[in-house]
Amino acid sequence: MTNPIKVILVDDQYLIRQGLRALLELEADLEVVAEAENGKIALELIAQLHPDVVLMDIRMPIMDGVATTKEIYQRFPLVKVLVLTTFDDDEFVTTALQNGAMGYLLKDTPSEELAVAIRAVYKGYTQLGPGIVKKLLMQFSRTSEKNLLTPPDSLAELTPREKEVLRLIATGASNKEISQILYISEGTVKNHVTNILNRLNLRDRTQAAIFANSFLPYLN
């Protein structure tokens, strides 16, 4: 049997931490190695225990989840952060993702879905809860309209096909869906996505979707 995925729970409410621990300990491949009530303690534990995934609350005293996520991304790049909160707040969603979080779920997410999300984040996949993608993209569309952002020069380096792929990423389409829409293979889509991320210096598909919605008029 492979080693279990090591998880640290970070939440200022003891009962929530205990509830999460009880749920996750039912999963044979997940191991809760520590708990923290704020970001400062979490960083100390991460340095000691080297977890694979951190379940991160947003609103906490001393050091909140957004600041902690940013610190983890800078100091412990191999540690994946999955934000878990009761606050369905656009600003926190976008800031946490911009600061390096790999996913964002609400605390009322069913336990089996939470376990699946932890496994996916551990493998490097972005996880966004239902409805969050739409709210995220709507916010960036509004921000783009208000600020009239100037696109970076690297955007002009994209080929027409790569711009098509980027527009579809902005809608939340998967590689399989993009391949069906554009009548190309999934392998070709993956190559386009890799080129897009490299040319635009983006970390993942979530950042690509945010970027695309910020500069949507320039992708036509």
C-alpha atoms as a PDB file:
ATOM      1  CA  MET A   1       0.000   0.000   0.000  1.00  0.00           C
ATOM      2  CA  THR A   2       1.286   3.474  -0.867  1.00  0.00           C
ATOM      3  CA  ASN A   3       1.831   6.043   1.860  1.00  0.00           C
ATOM      4  CA  PRO A   4      -1.311   7.955   2.846  1.00  0.00           C
ATOM      5  CA  ILE A   5      -1.765  11.593   1.886  1.00  0.00           C
ATOM      6  CA  LYS A   6      -0.712  13.676   4.896  1.00  0.00           C
ATOM      7  CA  VAL A   7      -3.196  16.430   5.745  1.00  0.00           C
ATOM      8  CA  ILE A   8      -3.083  19.358   8.178  1.00  0.00           C
ATOM      9  CA  LEU A   9      -6.370  20.983   9.259  1.00  0.00           C
ATOM     10  CA  VAL A  10      -6.277  24.737   9.810  1.00  0.00           C
ATOM     11  CA  ASP A  11      -9.399  26.288  11.362  1.00  0.00           C
ATOM     12  CA  ASP A  12      -9.954  28.473  14.420  1.00  0.00           C
ATOM     13  CA  GLN A  13     -12.995  26.452  15.496  1.00  0.00           C
ATOM     14  CA  TYR A  14     -12.150  23.299  17.430  1.00  0.00           C
ATOM     15  CA  LEU A  15     -15.447  21.532  16.678  1.00  0.00           C
ATOM     16  CA  ILE A  16     -15.014  22.017  12.948  1.00  0.00           C
ATOM     17  CA  ARG A  17     -11.495  20.600  13.081  1.00  0.00           C
ATOM     18  CA  GLN A  18     -12.739  17.607  15.034  1.00  0.00           C
ATOM     19  CA  GLY A  19     -15.581  17.050  12.588  1.00  0.00           C
ATOM     20  CA  LEU A  20     -13.243  17.184   9.616  1.00  0.00           C
ATOM     21  CA  ARG A  21     -10.790  14.837  11.315  1.00  0.00           C
ATOM     22  CA  ALA A  22     -13.544  12.312  12.025  1.00  0.00           C
ATOM     23  CA  LEU A  23     -14.677  12.383   8.393  1.00  0.00           C
ATOM     24  CA  LEU A  24     -11.218  12.158   6.869  1.00  0.00           C
ATOM     25  CA  GLU A  25     -10.051   9.381   9.160  1.00  0.00           C
ATOM     26  CA  LEU A  26     -12.672   7.161   7.522  1.00  0.00           C
ATOM     27  CA  GLU A  27     -10.572   7.336   4.338  1.00  0.00           C
ATOM     28  CA  ALA A  28      -7.752   4.771   4.329  1.00  0.00           C
ATOM     29  CA  ASP A  29      -5.520   6.835   2.045  1.00  0.00           C
ATOM     30  CA  LEU A  30      -5.806  10.093   4.047  1.00  0.00           C
ATOM     31  CA  GLU A  31      -4.004  10.825   7.318  1.00  0.00           C
ATOM     32  CA  VAL A  32      -4.609  13.926   9.440  1.00  0.00           C
ATOM     33  CA  VAL A  33      -1.181  14.593  10.923  1.00  0.00           C
ATOM     34  CA  ALA A  34      -1.925  17.845  12.775  1.00  0.00           C
ATOM     35  CA  GLU A  35      -4.373  20.654  13.473  1.00  0.00           C
ATOM     36  CA  ALA A  36      -3.830  24.395  13.797  1.00  0.00           C
ATOM     37  CA  GLU A  37      -6.090  27.199  14.994  1.00  0.00           C
ATOM     38  CA  ASN A  38      -4.412  29.953  12.973  1.00  0.00           C
ATOM     39  CA  GLY A  39      -1.950  30.482  10.157  1.00  0.00           C
ATOM     40  CA  LYS A  40       1.054  31.162  12.368  1.00  0.00           C
ATOM     41  CA  ILE A  41       0.775  27.779  14.076  1.00  0.00           C
ATOM     42  CA  ALA A  42       0.066  26.139  10.721  1.00  0.00           C
ATOM     43  CA  LEU A  43       3.331  27.398   9.230  1.00  0.00           C
ATOM     44  CA  GLU A  44       5.285  26.014  12.197  1.00  0.00           C
ATOM     45  CA  LEU A  45       3.611  22.619  11.801  1.00  0.00           C
ATOM     46  CA  ILE A  46       4.194  22.549   8.043  1.00  0.00           C
ATOM     47  CA  ALA A  47       7.900  23.184   8.573  1.00  0.00           C
ATOM     48  CA  GLN A  48       8.042  20.255  11.017  1.00  0.00           C
ATOM     49  CA  LEU A  49       5.719  17.718   9.407  1.00  0.00           C
ATOM     50  CA  HIS A  50       5.930  18.390   5.644  1.00  0.00           C
ATOM     51  CA  PRO A  51       2.272  17.588   4.833  1.00  0.00           C
ATOM     52  CA  ASP A  52       0.994  16.953   1.337  1.00  0.00           C
ATOM     53  CA  VAL A  53      -2.235  18.974   1.613  1.00  0.00           C
ATOM     54  CA  VAL A  54      -3.431  21.722   3.948  1.00  0.00           C
ATOM     55  CA  LEU A  55      -7.164  22.278   4.465  1.00  0.00           C
ATOM     56  CA  MET A  56      -7.267  26.023   5.090  1.00  0.00           C
ATOM     57  CA  ASP A  57      -9.963  28.163   6.655  1.00  0.00           C
ATOM     58  CA  ILE A  58     -10.090  31.798   5.515  1.00  0.00           C
ATOM     59  CA  ARG A  59     -11.130  33.912   8.499  1.00  0.00           C
ATOM     60  CA  MET A  60      -8.893  33.246  11.487  1.00  0.00           C
ATOM     61  CA  PRO A  61      -7.247  35.400  14.175  1.00  0.00           C
ATOM     62  CA  ILE A  62      -3.521  36.232  14.250  1.00  0.00           C
ATOM     63  CA  MET A  63      -2.921  35.120  10.636  1.00  0.00           C
ATOM     64  CA  ASP A  64      -5.776  34.491   8.219  1.00  0.00           C
ATOM     65  CA  GLY A  65      -6.017  31.862   5.504  1.00  0.00           C
ATOM     66  CA  VAL A  66      -5.219  34.168   2.591  1.00  0.00           C
ATOM     67  CA  ALA A  67      -1.942  35.404   4.112  1.00  0.00           C
ATOM     68  CA  THR A  68      -1.038  31.882   5.218  1.00  0.00           C
ATOM     69  CA  THR A  69      -1.703  30.454   1.768  1.00  0.00           C
ATOM     70  CA  LYS A  70       0.603  33.033   0.215  1.00  0.00           C
ATOM     71  CA  GLU A  71       3.332  32.197   2.724  1.00  0.00           C
ATOM     72  CA  ILE A  72       2.957  28.460   2.083  1.00  0.00           C
ATOM     73  CA  TYR A  73       3.180  28.966  -1.680  1.00  0.00           C
ATOM     74  CA  GLN A  74       6.402  30.940  -1.282  1.00  0.00           C
ATOM     75  CA  ARG A  75       8.085  28.831   1.416  1.00  0.00           C
ATOM     76  CA  PHE A  76       6.695  25.337   0.820  1.00  0.00           C
ATOM     77  CA  PRO A  77       5.897  25.058  -2.913  1.00  0.00           C
ATOM     78  CA  LEU A  78       5.319  21.297  -2.739  1.00  0.00           C
ATOM     79  CA  VAL A  79       2.502  21.683  -0.194  1.00  0.00           C
ATOM     80  CA  LYS A  80      -0.950  21.972  -1.778  1.00  0.00           C
ATOM     81  CA  VAL A  81      -3.570  24.244  -0.187  1.00  0.00           C
ATOM     82  CA  LEU A  82      -7.288  23.542  -0.400  1.00  0.00           C
ATOM     83  CA  VAL A  83      -9.336  26.425   0.992  1.00  0.00           C
ATOM     84  CA  LEU A  84     -12.369  25.304   2.973  1.00  0.00           C
ATOM     85  CA  THR A  85     -14.697  27.964   4.338  1.00  0.00           C
ATOM     86  CA  THR A  86     -18.302  28.906   5.069  1.00  0.00           C
ATOM     87  CA  PHE A  87     -17.854  32.261   3.368  1.00  0.00           C
ATOM     88  CA  ASP A  88     -18.941  32.155  -0.261  1.00  0.00           C
ATOM     89  CA  ASP A  89     -17.142  35.422  -0.931  1.00  0.00           C
ATOM     90  CA  ASP A  90     -15.840  36.387  -4.381  1.00  0.00           C
ATOM     91  CA  GLU A  91     -12.967  38.454  -3.023  1.00  0.00           C
ATOM     92  CA  PHE A  92     -11.664  35.663  -0.810  1.00  0.00           C
ATOM     93  CA  VAL A  93     -12.028  33.128  -3.626  1.00  0.00           C
ATOM     94  CA  THR A  94      -9.946  35.114  -6.070  1.00  0.00           C
ATOM     95  CA  THR A  95      -7.352  36.288  -3.553  1.00  0.00           C
ATOM     96  CA  ALA A  96      -6.768  32.791  -2.182  1.00  0.00           C
ATOM     97  CA  LEU A  97      -6.357  31.370  -5.694  1.00  0.00           C
ATOM     98  CA  GLN A  98      -4.051  34.200  -6.720  1.00  0.00           C
ATOM     99  CA  ASN A  99      -1.962  33.505  -3.613  1.00  0.00           C
ATOM    100  CA  GLY A 100      -1.391  29.891  -4.583  1.00  0.00           C
ATOM    101  CA  ALA A 101      -4.400  27.880  -3.385  1.00  0.00           C
ATOM    102  CA  MET A 102      -5.109  24.847  -5.564  1.00  0.00           C
ATOM    103  CA  GLY A 103      -8.809  24.773  -4.791  1.00  0.00           C
ATOM    104  CA  TYR A 104     -11.724  26.242  -2.928  1.00  0.00           C
ATOM    105  CA  LEU A 105     -14.676  24.408  -1.375  1.00  0.00           C
ATOM    106  CA  LEU A 106     -17.412  25.355   1.061  1.00  0.00           C
ATOM    107  CA  LYS A 107     -17.543  23.639   4.443  1.00  0.00           C
ATOM    108  CA  ASP A 108     -20.908  22.071   3.672  1.00  0.00           C
ATOM    109  CA  THR A 109     -19.304  20.044   0.875  1.00  0.00           C
ATOM    110  CA  PRO A 110     -20.226  16.339   1.352  1.00  0.00           C
ATOM    111  CA  SER A 111     -17.425  14.331   2.958  1.00  0.00           C
ATOM    112  CA  GLU A 112     -16.954  12.037  -0.038  1.00  0.00           C
ATOM    113  CA  GLU A 113     -16.526  15.060  -2.328  1.00  0.00           C
ATOM    114  CA  LEU A 114     -14.039  16.597   0.085  1.00  0.00           C
ATOM    115  CA  ALA A 115     -11.968  13.412   0.066  1.00  0.00           C
ATOM    116  CA  VAL A 116     -12.018  13.353  -3.745  1.00  0.00           C
ATOM    117  CA  ALA A 117     -10.939  17.012  -3.816  1.00  0.00           C
ATOM    118  CA  ILE A 118      -8.018  16.353  -1.474  1.00  0.00           C
ATOM    119  CA  ARG A 119      -6.803  13.515  -3.685  1.00  0.00           C
ATOM    120  CA  ALA A 120      -7.137  15.665  -6.806  1.00  0.00           C
ATOM    121  CA  VAL A 121      -5.291  18.625  -5.282  1.00  0.00           C
ATOM    122  CA  TYR A 122      -2.558  16.263  -4.091  1.00  0.00           C
ATOM    123  CA  LYS A 123      -2.087  15.183  -7.722  1.00  0.00           C
ATOM    124  CA  GLY A 124      -1.876  18.802  -8.852  1.00  0.00           C
ATOM    125  CA  TYR A 125      -5.401  19.372 -10.140  1.00  0.00           C
ATOM    126  CA  THR A 126      -7.353  22.522  -9.344  1.00  0.00           C
ATOM    127  CA  GLN A 127     -10.622  22.012  -7.457  1.00  0.00           C
ATOM    128  CA  LEU A 128     -13.412  24.598  -7.385  1.00  0.00           C
ATOM    129  CA  GLY A 129     -16.772  24.028  -5.723  1.00  0.00           C
ATOM    130  CA  PRO A 130     -20.100  24.232  -7.594  1.00  0.00           C
ATOM    131  CA  GLY A 131     -21.022  27.771  -8.596  1.00  0.00           C
ATOM    132  CA  ILE A 132     -17.647  29.193  -7.620  1.00  0.00           C
ATOM    133  CA  VAL A 133     -16.198  29.100 -11.141  1.00  0.00           C
ATOM    134  CA  LYS A 134     -19.097  31.139 -12.508  1.00  0.00           C
ATOM    135  CA  LYS A 135     -18.850  33.726  -9.709  1.00  0.00           C
ATOM    136  CA  LEU A 136     -15.086  33.894 -10.127  1.00  0.00           C
ATOM    137  CA  LEU A 137     -15.270  34.508 -13.849  1.00  0.00           C
ATOM    138  CA  MET A 138     -18.106  37.031 -13.495  1.00  0.00           C
ATOM    139  CA  GLN A 139     -16.061  39.037 -11.039  1.00  0.00           C
ATOM    140  CA  PHE A 140     -13.064  39.195 -13.329  1.00  0.00           C
ATOM    141  CA  SER A 141     -15.260  40.199 -16.240  1.00  0.00           C
ATOM    142  CA  ARG A 142     -16.565  43.112 -14.160  1.00  0.00           C
ATOM    143  CA  THR A 143     -13.053  44.033 -13.052  1.00  0.00           C
ATOM    144  CA  SER A 144     -11.846  44.008 -16.640  1.00  0.00           C
ATOM    145  CA  GLU A 145     -14.663  46.298 -17.757  1.00  0.00           C
ATOM    146  CA  LYS A 146     -14.007  48.754 -14.931  1.00  0.00           C
ATOM    147  CA  ASN A 147     -10.242  48.915 -15.195  1.00  0.00           C
ATOM    148  CA  LEU A 148      -9.818  48.582 -18.973  1.00  0.00           C
ATOM    149  CA  LEU A 149      -6.732  46.447 -18.441  1.00  0.00           C
ATOM    150  CA  THR A 150      -3.930  46.577 -20.971  1.00  0.00           C
ATOM    151  CA  PRO A 151      -2.991  43.092 -22.169  1.00  0.00           C
ATOM    152  CA  PRO A 152       0.627  41.946 -21.800  1.00  0.00           C
ATOM    153  CA  ASP A 153       2.757  41.685 -24.927  1.00  0.00           C
ATOM    154  CA  SER A 154       2.871  37.904 -24.506  1.00  0.00           C
ATOM    155  CA  LEU A 155      -0.819  37.696 -25.436  1.00  0.00           C
ATOM    156  CA  ALA A 156       0.070  38.638 -29.016  1.00  0.00           C
ATOM    157  CA  GLU A 157       2.357  35.604 -29.172  1.00  0.00           C
ATOM    158  CA  LEU A 158      -0.590  33.200 -28.980  1.00  0.00           C
ATOM    159  CA  THR A 159      -1.697  31.579 -32.211  1.00  0.00           C
ATOM    160  CA  PRO A 160      -5.351  31.895 -33.305  1.00  0.00           C
ATOM    161  CA  ARG A 161      -5.927  28.285 -32.227  1.00  0.00           C
ATOM    162  CA  GLU A 162      -4.365  28.907 -28.801  1.00  0.00           C
ATOM    163  CA  LYS A 163      -6.659  31.902 -28.353  1.00  0.00           C
ATOM    164  CA  GLU A 164      -9.627  29.666 -29.173  1.00  0.00           C
ATOM    165  CA  VAL A 165      -8.488  27.171 -26.559  1.00  0.00           C
ATOM    166  CA  LEU A 166      -7.961  29.949 -24.014  1.00  0.00           C
ATOM    167  CA  ARG A 167     -11.473  31.301 -24.595  1.00  0.00           C
ATOM    168  CA  LEU A 168     -12.874  27.829 -23.940  1.00  0.00           C
ATOM    169  CA  ILE A 169     -10.760  27.420 -20.802  1.00  0.00           C
ATOM    170  CA  ALA A 170     -12.390  30.642 -19.604  1.00  0.00           C
ATOM    171  CA  THR A 171     -15.784  28.952 -19.784  1.00  0.00           C
ATOM    172  CA  GLY A 172     -14.578  26.081 -17.589  1.00  0.00           C
ATOM    173  CA  ALA A 173     -14.445  23.566 -20.457  1.00  0.00           C
ATOM    174  CA  SER A 174     -12.340  20.441 -19.910  1.00  0.00           C
ATOM    175  CA  ASN A 175      -9.729  19.196 -22.382  1.00  0.00           C
ATOM    176  CA  LYS A 176     -12.196  16.574 -23.608  1.00  0.00           C
ATOM    177  CA  GLU A 177     -14.913  19.191 -24.164  1.00  0.00           C
ATOM    178  CA  ILE A 178     -12.463  21.500 -25.955  1.00  0.00           C
ATOM    179  CA  SER A 179     -11.343  18.664 -28.226  1.00  0.00           C
ATOM    180  CA  GLN A 180     -14.962  17.949 -29.165  1.00  0.00           C
ATOM    181  CA  ILE A 181     -15.777  21.600 -29.816  1.00  0.00           C
ATOM    182  CA  LEU A 182     -12.671  22.249 -31.934  1.00  0.00           C
ATOM    183  CA  TYR A 183     -12.545  18.771 -33.544  1.00  0.00           C
ATOM    184  CA  ILE A 184      -8.983  18.119 -32.415  1.00  0.00           C
ATOM    185  CA  SER A 185      -7.487  15.385 -30.228  1.00  0.00           C
ATOM    186  CA  GLU A 186      -7.160  15.700 -26.455  1.00  0.00           C
ATOM    187  CA  GLY A 187      -3.415  15.372 -26.854  1.00  0.00           C
ATOM    188  CA  THR A 188      -3.385  18.420 -29.123  1.00  0.00           C
ATOM    189  CA  VAL A 189      -5.479  20.327 -26.599  1.00  0.00           C
ATOM    190  CA  LYS A 190      -2.999  19.445 -23.841  1.00  0.00           C
ATOM    191  CA  ASN A 191      -0.150  20.754 -25.995  1.00  0.00           C
ATOM    192  CA  HIS A 192      -2.022  24.003 -26.613  1.00  0.00           C
ATOM    193  CA  VAL A 193      -2.753  24.412 -22.895  1.00  0.00           C
ATOM    194  CA  THR A 194       0.911  23.839 -22.036  1.00  0.00           C
ATOM    195  CA  ASN A 195       1.976  26.422 -24.641  1.00  0.00           C
ATOM    196  CA  ILE A 196      -0.574  28.922 -23.331  1.00  0.00           C
ATOM    197  CA  LEU A 197       0.588  28.575 -19.726  1.00  0.00           C
ATOM    198  CA  ASN A 198       4.243  28.874 -20.735  1.00  0.00           C
ATOM    199  CA  ARG A 199       3.771  31.870 -23.045  1.00  0.00           C
ATOM    200  CA  LEU A 200       1.634  33.782 -20.526  1.00  0.00           C
ATOM    201  CA  ASN A 201       3.672  32.665 -17.486  1.00  0.00           C
ATOM    202  CA  LEU A 202       0.602  31.220 -15.760  1.00  0.00           C
ATOM    203  CA  ARG A 203       0.585  28.475 -13.126  1.00  0.00           C
ATOM    204  CA  ASP A 204      -2.517  26.485 -14.015  1.00  0.00           C
ATOM    205  CA  ARG A 205      -5.911  26.449 -15.762  1.00  0.00           C
ATOM    206  CA  THR A 206      -7.511  28.560 -13.031  1.00  0.00           C
ATOM    207  CA  GLN A 207      -5.053  31.379 -13.625  1.00  0.00           C
ATOM    208  CA  ALA A 208      -5.591  30.918 -17.364  1.00  0.00           C
ATOM    209  CA  ALA A 209      -9.364  31.298 -16.921  1.00  0.00           C
ATOM    210  CA  ILE A 210      -8.879  34.423 -14.801  1.00  0.00           C
ATOM    211  CA  PHE A 211      -6.475  35.850 -17.372  1.00  0.00           C
ATOM    212  CA  ALA A 212      -8.807  35.090 -20.268  1.00  0.00           C
ATOM    213  CA  ASN A 213     -11.773  36.777 -18.626  1.00  0.00           C
ATOM    214  CA  SER A 214      -9.667  39.823 -17.822  1.00  0.00           C
ATOM    215  CA  PHE A 215      -8.646  40.233 -21.474  1.00  0.00           C
ATOM    216  CA  LEU A 216     -11.559  38.581 -23.272  1.00  0.00           C
ATOM    217  CA  PRO A 217     -11.976  41.387 -25.882  1.00  0.00           C
ATOM    218  CA  TYR A 218      -8.383  40.785 -27.037  1.00  0.00           C
ATOM    219  CA  LEU A 219      -8.992  37.073 -27.691  1.00  0.00           C
ATOM    220  CA  ASN A 220     -11.346  37.570 -30.630  1.00  0.00           C
END
